[in-house]
Amino acid sequence: MRLLLALLLLGGTIRTPATVRVTVRLLDVRAQKGGVMHAALHAAPGEGFPGPAPSGNQDVRPATPVTVVVFDVTPGTYAAAVHHDANANGKVDTNFLGIPREGYAVSNDPRPRFRPPRFSEAQVVITRDTTLTLRMAY
């Protein structure tokens, strides 16, 4: 009790870091397909999830066995989305039903059947440096 009182009197508080590092590890990447990996870290549902995000996007070359993307962000709720643009045409290629023909992954690994994943299914609360592991689906 004395320690707590001393901390309060001295102005000691538990602080949230100004920025945190979010490391996204991508498993099962088919690097032999070439192209580019488009990674996005969405801070809100209205940011067009799972497409590009105004809060953070990065493009990296696919690597095997693990591709890594790092974001520095303020603590909060985020959802990660990755698209393997194998033919580097800048878009997600789909079949006639709208199902992706190129690799993709989102945080929490939701796999809805006839629609894209929702932000609410993929959101993760980030309060400190965190590693998210996503498994690519092809």
N, C-alpha and C. Protein backbone atom coordinates (compact mmCIF):
# COMPACT_ATOMS: atom_id res chain seq x y z
N MET A 1 0.83 -1.18 0.00
CA MET A 1 0.00 0.00 0.00
C MET A 1 0.88 1.25 0.00
N ARG A 2 1.95 1.23 0.76
CA ARG A 2 2.86 2.38 0.80
C ARG A 2 3.52 2.61 -0.55
N LEU A 3 3.87 1.52 -1.22
CA LEU A 3 4.49 1.64 -2.54
C LEU A 3 3.52 2.30 -3.52
N LEU A 4 2.28 1.89 -3.51
CA LEU A 4 1.29 2.48 -4.40
C LEU A 4 1.11 3.96 -4.09
N LEU A 5 1.02 4.31 -2.84
CA LEU A 5 0.89 5.70 -2.45
C LEU A 5 2.10 6.51 -2.88
N ALA A 6 3.29 5.94 -2.71
CA ALA A 6 4.51 6.64 -3.12
C ALA A 6 4.53 6.88 -4.63
N LEU A 7 4.11 5.88 -5.41
CA LEU A 7 4.06 6.04 -6.86
C LEU A 7 3.08 7.13 -7.26
N LEU A 8 1.94 7.17 -6.63
CA LEU A 8 0.95 8.19 -6.95
C LEU A 8 1.45 9.58 -6.59
N LEU A 9 2.11 9.70 -5.45
CA LEU A 9 2.63 11.00 -5.02
C LEU A 9 3.76 11.48 -5.91
N LEU A 10 4.56 10.58 -6.43
CA LEU A 10 5.68 10.94 -7.29
C LEU A 10 5.26 11.09 -8.75
N GLY A 11 3.99 10.91 -9.01
CA GLY A 11 3.52 11.08 -10.40
C GLY A 11 3.71 9.83 -11.23
N GLY A 12 4.05 8.72 -10.63
CA GLY A 12 4.25 7.48 -11.37
C GLY A 12 2.92 6.90 -11.80
N THR A 13 2.75 6.69 -13.06
CA THR A 13 1.54 6.07 -13.59
C THR A 13 1.94 5.03 -14.61
N ILE A 14 1.05 4.12 -14.84
CA ILE A 14 1.28 3.14 -15.89
C ILE A 14 0.91 3.80 -17.20
N ARG A 15 1.84 3.83 -18.12
CA ARG A 15 1.62 4.54 -19.38
C ARG A 15 1.54 3.57 -20.54
N THR A 16 0.73 3.95 -21.49
CA THR A 16 0.65 3.21 -22.74
C THR A 16 1.72 3.78 -23.66
N PRO A 17 2.49 2.94 -24.33
CA PRO A 17 3.52 3.48 -25.22
C PRO A 17 2.91 4.31 -26.35
N ALA A 18 3.66 5.31 -26.81
CA ALA A 18 3.18 6.19 -27.89
C ALA A 18 3.01 5.41 -29.19
N THR A 19 3.95 4.52 -29.48
CA THR A 19 3.83 3.65 -30.65
C THR A 19 4.22 2.24 -30.27
N VAL A 20 3.67 1.31 -30.98
CA VAL A 20 3.99 -0.10 -30.79
C VAL A 20 4.32 -0.70 -32.15
N ARG A 21 5.05 -1.77 -32.12
CA ARG A 21 5.43 -2.46 -33.35
C ARG A 21 4.54 -3.68 -33.54
N VAL A 22 3.91 -3.76 -34.71
CA VAL A 22 3.10 -4.92 -35.07
C VAL A 22 3.84 -5.66 -36.17
N THR A 23 4.28 -6.87 -35.86
CA THR A 23 4.98 -7.72 -36.83
C THR A 23 3.97 -8.72 -37.37
N VAL A 24 3.80 -8.74 -38.68
CA VAL A 24 2.89 -9.68 -39.32
C VAL A 24 3.74 -10.76 -39.99
N ARG A 25 3.60 -12.00 -39.49
CA ARG A 25 4.31 -13.15 -40.06
C ARG A 25 3.34 -13.90 -40.96
N LEU A 26 3.71 -14.06 -42.23
CA LEU A 26 2.86 -14.74 -43.20
C LEU A 26 3.40 -16.14 -43.46
N LEU A 27 2.59 -17.13 -43.17
CA LEU A 27 2.96 -18.53 -43.39
C LEU A 27 2.32 -19.05 -44.67
N ASP A 28 2.90 -20.10 -45.21
CA ASP A 28 2.40 -20.77 -46.41
C ASP A 28 2.37 -19.88 -47.64
N VAL A 29 3.33 -18.96 -47.72
CA VAL A 29 3.45 -18.08 -48.88
C VAL A 29 4.00 -18.88 -50.05
N ARG A 30 3.40 -18.75 -51.19
CA ARG A 30 3.89 -19.43 -52.41
C ARG A 30 4.79 -18.46 -53.16
N ALA A 31 6.02 -18.33 -52.67
CA ALA A 31 6.96 -17.35 -53.21
C ALA A 31 7.29 -17.62 -54.67
N GLN A 32 7.23 -18.88 -55.08
CA GLN A 32 7.57 -19.23 -56.47
C GLN A 32 6.61 -18.58 -57.46
N LYS A 33 5.45 -18.14 -57.00
CA LYS A 33 4.50 -17.45 -57.88
C LYS A 33 4.95 -16.04 -58.22
N GLY A 34 5.92 -15.51 -57.46
CA GLY A 34 6.44 -14.17 -57.72
C GLY A 34 5.47 -13.10 -57.29
N GLY A 35 5.51 -11.97 -57.97
CA GLY A 35 4.60 -10.88 -57.67
C GLY A 35 4.98 -10.11 -56.43
N VAL A 36 3.97 -9.59 -55.75
CA VAL A 36 4.18 -8.76 -54.57
C VAL A 36 3.10 -9.05 -53.54
N MET A 37 3.46 -8.90 -52.27
CA MET A 37 2.51 -9.05 -51.17
C MET A 37 2.06 -7.65 -50.76
N HIS A 38 0.75 -7.39 -50.82
CA HIS A 38 0.19 -6.11 -50.37
C HIS A 38 -0.35 -6.35 -48.96
N ALA A 39 0.23 -5.68 -47.97
CA ALA A 39 -0.20 -5.83 -46.58
C ALA A 39 -0.82 -4.53 -46.10
N ALA A 40 -1.93 -4.63 -45.38
CA ALA A 40 -2.63 -3.45 -44.85
C ALA A 40 -2.97 -3.69 -43.40
N LEU A 41 -2.84 -2.65 -42.59
CA LEU A 41 -3.24 -2.70 -41.20
C LEU A 41 -4.33 -1.64 -41.01
N HIS A 42 -5.55 -2.11 -40.81
CA HIS A 42 -6.72 -1.23 -40.72
C HIS A 42 -6.99 -0.86 -39.27
N ALA A 43 -7.26 0.44 -39.03
CA ALA A 43 -7.53 0.92 -37.68
C ALA A 43 -9.03 1.04 -37.40
N ALA A 44 -9.87 0.92 -38.41
CA ALA A 44 -11.31 1.08 -38.21
C ALA A 44 -12.07 0.32 -39.29
N PRO A 45 -13.30 -0.09 -38.98
CA PRO A 45 -14.08 -0.84 -39.97
C PRO A 45 -14.38 -0.05 -41.23
N GLY A 46 -14.48 1.25 -41.16
CA GLY A 46 -14.82 2.05 -42.32
C GLY A 46 -13.68 2.33 -43.26
N GLU A 47 -12.53 1.71 -43.05
CA GLU A 47 -11.35 1.96 -43.89
C GLU A 47 -11.29 1.05 -45.10
N GLY A 48 -12.35 0.37 -45.45
CA GLY A 48 -12.34 -0.46 -46.64
C GLY A 48 -11.74 -1.84 -46.44
N PHE A 49 -11.75 -2.34 -45.21
CA PHE A 49 -11.23 -3.68 -44.93
C PHE A 49 -11.95 -4.69 -45.82
N PRO A 50 -11.26 -5.62 -46.43
CA PRO A 50 -9.86 -5.99 -46.32
C PRO A 50 -8.95 -5.41 -47.40
N GLY A 51 -9.34 -4.33 -48.04
CA GLY A 51 -8.52 -3.71 -49.08
C GLY A 51 -7.43 -2.82 -48.49
N PRO A 52 -6.87 -1.92 -49.29
CA PRO A 52 -5.85 -0.99 -48.80
C PRO A 52 -6.38 -0.16 -47.64
N ALA A 53 -5.49 0.23 -46.72
CA ALA A 53 -5.89 0.96 -45.52
C ALA A 53 -5.21 2.32 -45.45
N PRO A 54 -5.96 3.37 -45.15
CA PRO A 54 -5.32 4.68 -45.00
C PRO A 54 -4.36 4.74 -43.81
N SER A 55 -4.53 3.85 -42.83
CA SER A 55 -3.67 3.89 -41.65
C SER A 55 -2.35 3.16 -41.84
N GLY A 56 -2.21 2.33 -42.85
CA GLY A 56 -0.93 1.66 -43.06
C GLY A 56 -0.96 0.59 -44.12
N ASN A 57 -0.10 0.72 -45.13
CA ASN A 57 0.05 -0.26 -46.21
C ASN A 57 1.52 -0.48 -46.47
N GLN A 58 1.87 -1.70 -46.80
CA GLN A 58 3.24 -2.00 -47.20
C GLN A 58 3.22 -3.06 -48.28
N ASP A 59 4.14 -2.94 -49.21
CA ASP A 59 4.34 -3.95 -50.24
C ASP A 59 5.68 -4.61 -50.01
N VAL A 60 5.71 -5.95 -50.02
CA VAL A 60 6.95 -6.69 -49.84
C VAL A 60 6.99 -7.83 -50.85
N ARG A 61 8.18 -8.29 -51.14
CA ARG A 61 8.35 -9.45 -52.02
C ARG A 61 8.04 -10.72 -51.23
N PRO A 62 7.36 -11.68 -51.84
CA PRO A 62 7.07 -12.92 -51.13
C PRO A 62 8.36 -13.69 -50.85
N ALA A 63 8.44 -14.30 -49.68
CA ALA A 63 9.60 -15.09 -49.29
C ALA A 63 9.12 -16.40 -48.66
N THR A 64 9.93 -17.42 -48.77
CA THR A 64 9.63 -18.73 -48.20
C THR A 64 10.68 -19.04 -47.16
N PRO A 65 10.37 -19.61 -46.02
CA PRO A 65 9.08 -20.13 -45.59
C PRO A 65 8.17 -19.08 -44.95
N VAL A 66 8.73 -17.92 -44.55
CA VAL A 66 7.93 -16.90 -43.87
C VAL A 66 8.21 -15.53 -44.49
N THR A 67 7.16 -14.79 -44.75
CA THR A 67 7.30 -13.41 -45.19
C THR A 67 6.90 -12.53 -44.00
N VAL A 68 7.69 -11.48 -43.73
CA VAL A 68 7.45 -10.63 -42.56
C VAL A 68 7.22 -9.20 -43.01
N VAL A 69 6.20 -8.57 -42.40
CA VAL A 69 5.89 -7.16 -42.62
C VAL A 69 5.79 -6.52 -41.24
N VAL A 70 6.36 -5.32 -41.08
CA VAL A 70 6.35 -4.64 -39.79
C VAL A 70 5.68 -3.28 -39.92
N PHE A 71 4.78 -2.99 -38.98
CA PHE A 71 4.10 -1.70 -38.90
C PHE A 71 4.39 -1.07 -37.54
N ASP A 72 4.60 0.24 -37.49
CA ASP A 72 4.70 0.99 -36.24
C ASP A 72 3.44 1.84 -36.15
N VAL A 73 2.63 1.59 -35.11
CA VAL A 73 1.33 2.25 -34.97
C VAL A 73 1.10 2.67 -33.53
N THR A 74 0.10 3.50 -33.31
CA THR A 74 -0.31 3.82 -31.95
C THR A 74 -1.15 2.65 -31.44
N PRO A 75 -1.16 2.40 -30.14
CA PRO A 75 -1.98 1.31 -29.61
C PRO A 75 -3.45 1.51 -29.97
N GLY A 76 -4.14 0.41 -30.20
CA GLY A 76 -5.55 0.48 -30.56
C GLY A 76 -6.04 -0.84 -31.11
N THR A 77 -7.18 -0.81 -31.77
CA THR A 77 -7.78 -2.00 -32.37
C THR A 77 -7.50 -1.98 -33.86
N TYR A 78 -6.95 -3.07 -34.37
CA TYR A 78 -6.54 -3.16 -35.77
C TYR A 78 -6.98 -4.49 -36.36
N ALA A 79 -6.99 -4.54 -37.68
CA ALA A 79 -7.20 -5.79 -38.41
C ALA A 79 -6.21 -5.80 -39.57
N ALA A 80 -5.49 -6.90 -39.71
CA ALA A 80 -4.50 -7.04 -40.78
C ALA A 80 -5.10 -7.80 -41.95
N ALA A 81 -4.75 -7.37 -43.16
CA ALA A 81 -5.18 -8.06 -44.37
C ALA A 81 -4.02 -8.07 -45.35
N VAL A 82 -3.81 -9.22 -45.99
CA VAL A 82 -2.70 -9.38 -46.94
C VAL A 82 -3.23 -10.04 -48.21
N HIS A 83 -2.73 -9.56 -49.34
CA HIS A 83 -3.09 -10.12 -50.64
C HIS A 83 -1.80 -10.41 -51.39
N HIS A 84 -1.67 -11.63 -51.91
CA HIS A 84 -0.52 -11.99 -52.74
C HIS A 84 -0.88 -11.72 -54.19
N ASP A 85 -0.44 -10.59 -54.68
CA ASP A 85 -0.71 -10.17 -56.06
C ASP A 85 0.33 -10.84 -56.96
N ALA A 86 0.08 -12.11 -57.28
CA ALA A 86 1.06 -12.92 -58.01
C ALA A 86 1.38 -12.35 -59.38
N ASN A 87 0.42 -11.77 -60.06
CA ASN A 87 0.68 -11.23 -61.39
C ASN A 87 0.97 -9.72 -61.36
N ALA A 88 1.06 -9.13 -60.17
CA ALA A 88 1.43 -7.72 -59.98
C ALA A 88 0.57 -6.77 -60.80
N ASN A 89 -0.74 -7.05 -60.87
CA ASN A 89 -1.63 -6.16 -61.61
C ASN A 89 -2.33 -5.15 -60.69
N GLY A 90 -2.04 -5.18 -59.39
CA GLY A 90 -2.58 -4.21 -58.46
C GLY A 90 -3.99 -4.46 -57.98
N LYS A 91 -4.52 -5.65 -58.24
CA LYS A 91 -5.88 -5.94 -57.77
C LYS A 91 -6.00 -7.42 -57.39
N VAL A 92 -7.06 -7.72 -56.65
CA VAL A 92 -7.34 -9.11 -56.28
C VAL A 92 -8.10 -9.75 -57.43
N ASP A 93 -7.49 -10.72 -58.06
CA ASP A 93 -8.15 -11.43 -59.15
C ASP A 93 -9.12 -12.46 -58.56
N THR A 94 -10.34 -12.50 -59.09
CA THR A 94 -11.36 -13.42 -58.58
C THR A 94 -11.94 -14.24 -59.71
N ASN A 95 -12.63 -15.33 -59.34
CA ASN A 95 -13.33 -16.12 -60.34
C ASN A 95 -14.73 -15.51 -60.55
N PHE A 96 -15.56 -16.14 -61.33
CA PHE A 96 -16.87 -15.59 -61.66
C PHE A 96 -17.80 -15.47 -60.44
N LEU A 97 -17.50 -16.17 -59.35
CA LEU A 97 -18.28 -16.07 -58.11
C LEU A 97 -17.74 -15.01 -57.16
N GLY A 98 -16.62 -14.39 -57.52
CA GLY A 98 -16.01 -13.39 -56.66
C GLY A 98 -15.04 -13.96 -55.65
N ILE A 99 -14.71 -15.24 -55.77
CA ILE A 99 -13.77 -15.89 -54.85
C ILE A 99 -12.35 -15.59 -55.33
N PRO A 100 -11.46 -15.15 -54.42
CA PRO A 100 -10.10 -14.81 -54.84
C PRO A 100 -9.37 -15.97 -55.51
N ARG A 101 -8.66 -15.64 -56.59
CA ARG A 101 -7.84 -16.62 -57.29
C ARG A 101 -6.38 -16.48 -56.88
N GLU A 102 -6.09 -15.47 -56.08
CA GLU A 102 -4.74 -15.23 -55.58
C GLU A 102 -4.77 -15.38 -54.06
N GLY A 103 -3.61 -15.56 -53.46
CA GLY A 103 -3.52 -15.78 -52.03
C GLY A 103 -3.95 -14.58 -51.21
N TYR A 104 -4.50 -14.88 -50.04
CA TYR A 104 -4.90 -13.83 -49.11
C TYR A 104 -4.84 -14.36 -47.69
N ALA A 105 -4.83 -13.44 -46.73
CA ALA A 105 -4.87 -13.79 -45.32
C ALA A 105 -5.36 -12.58 -44.54
N VAL A 106 -6.06 -12.83 -43.43
CA VAL A 106 -6.47 -11.76 -42.52
C VAL A 106 -6.24 -12.23 -41.09
N SER A 107 -6.10 -11.27 -40.19
CA SER A 107 -5.88 -11.61 -38.78
C SER A 107 -7.07 -12.41 -38.24
N ASN A 108 -6.81 -13.27 -37.29
CA ASN A 108 -7.77 -14.19 -36.66
C ASN A 108 -8.24 -15.30 -37.59
N ASP A 109 -7.78 -15.30 -38.84
CA ASP A 109 -8.04 -16.38 -39.80
C ASP A 109 -9.52 -16.72 -40.02
N PRO A 110 -10.41 -15.72 -40.13
CA PRO A 110 -11.80 -16.09 -40.47
C PRO A 110 -11.87 -16.57 -41.92
N ARG A 111 -12.72 -17.51 -42.20
CA ARG A 111 -12.88 -18.06 -43.56
C ARG A 111 -14.36 -18.11 -43.92
N PRO A 112 -15.01 -16.94 -44.08
CA PRO A 112 -16.42 -16.96 -44.48
C PRO A 112 -16.56 -17.55 -45.88
N ARG A 113 -17.70 -18.12 -46.17
CA ARG A 113 -17.85 -18.84 -47.43
C ARG A 113 -18.17 -17.96 -48.63
N PHE A 114 -19.10 -17.11 -48.59
CA PHE A 114 -19.50 -16.41 -49.81
C PHE A 114 -19.44 -14.90 -49.66
N ARG A 115 -18.47 -14.43 -48.88
CA ARG A 115 -18.29 -12.99 -48.68
C ARG A 115 -16.88 -12.76 -48.15
N PRO A 116 -16.39 -11.53 -48.27
CA PRO A 116 -15.09 -11.23 -47.68
C PRO A 116 -15.19 -11.21 -46.15
N PRO A 117 -14.08 -11.40 -45.46
CA PRO A 117 -14.12 -11.31 -44.00
C PRO A 117 -14.47 -9.89 -43.55
N ARG A 118 -15.08 -9.78 -42.40
CA ARG A 118 -15.45 -8.48 -41.83
C ARG A 118 -14.38 -8.01 -40.84
N PHE A 119 -14.29 -6.70 -40.69
CA PHE A 119 -13.35 -6.12 -39.73
C PHE A 119 -13.57 -6.72 -38.34
N SER A 120 -14.82 -6.85 -37.93
CA SER A 120 -15.13 -7.37 -36.59
C SER A 120 -14.63 -8.79 -36.38
N GLU A 121 -14.50 -9.57 -37.45
CA GLU A 121 -13.99 -10.94 -37.33
C GLU A 121 -12.47 -10.99 -37.24
N ALA A 122 -11.83 -9.95 -37.74
CA ALA A 122 -10.36 -9.95 -37.82
C ALA A 122 -9.70 -9.00 -36.83
N GLN A 123 -10.47 -8.22 -36.09
CA GLN A 123 -9.88 -7.20 -35.23
C GLN A 123 -9.10 -7.80 -34.06
N VAL A 124 -8.02 -7.09 -33.72
CA VAL A 124 -7.13 -7.48 -32.63
C VAL A 124 -6.80 -6.21 -31.85
N VAL A 125 -6.88 -6.28 -30.53
CA VAL A 125 -6.51 -5.13 -29.69
C VAL A 125 -5.00 -5.17 -29.49
N ILE A 126 -4.33 -4.10 -29.88
CA ILE A 126 -2.87 -4.01 -29.80
C ILE A 126 -2.52 -2.97 -28.73
N THR A 127 -1.87 -3.41 -27.64
CA THR A 127 -1.48 -2.48 -26.57
C THR A 127 0.03 -2.44 -26.37
N ARG A 128 0.74 -3.38 -26.98
CA ARG A 128 2.20 -3.44 -26.86
C ARG A 128 2.73 -4.09 -28.13
N ASP A 129 4.06 -4.18 -28.26
CA ASP A 129 4.64 -4.85 -29.43
C ASP A 129 4.02 -6.24 -29.56
N THR A 130 3.57 -6.54 -30.77
CA THR A 130 2.79 -7.77 -31.00
C THR A 130 3.21 -8.41 -32.31
N THR A 131 3.17 -9.74 -32.35
CA THR A 131 3.36 -10.48 -33.59
C THR A 131 2.07 -11.19 -33.93
N LEU A 132 1.57 -10.93 -35.13
CA LEU A 132 0.40 -11.62 -35.65
C LEU A 132 0.87 -12.64 -36.68
N THR A 133 0.43 -13.88 -36.55
CA THR A 133 0.79 -14.92 -37.50
C THR A 133 -0.44 -15.22 -38.35
N LEU A 134 -0.30 -15.03 -39.66
CA LEU A 134 -1.39 -15.24 -40.59
C LEU A 134 -1.01 -16.36 -41.56
N ARG A 135 -1.95 -17.23 -41.83
CA ARG A 135 -1.74 -18.33 -42.77
C ARG A 135 -2.40 -17.97 -44.10
N MET A 136 -1.61 -17.97 -45.17
CA MET A 136 -2.12 -17.64 -46.50
C MET A 136 -3.08 -18.73 -46.99
N ALA A 137 -4.13 -18.31 -47.64
CA ALA A 137 -5.07 -19.23 -48.30
C ALA A 137 -4.96 -18.98 -49.80
N TYR A 138 -4.86 -20.05 -50.57
CA TYR A 138 -4.76 -19.94 -52.03
C TYR A 138 -5.87 -20.71 -52.68
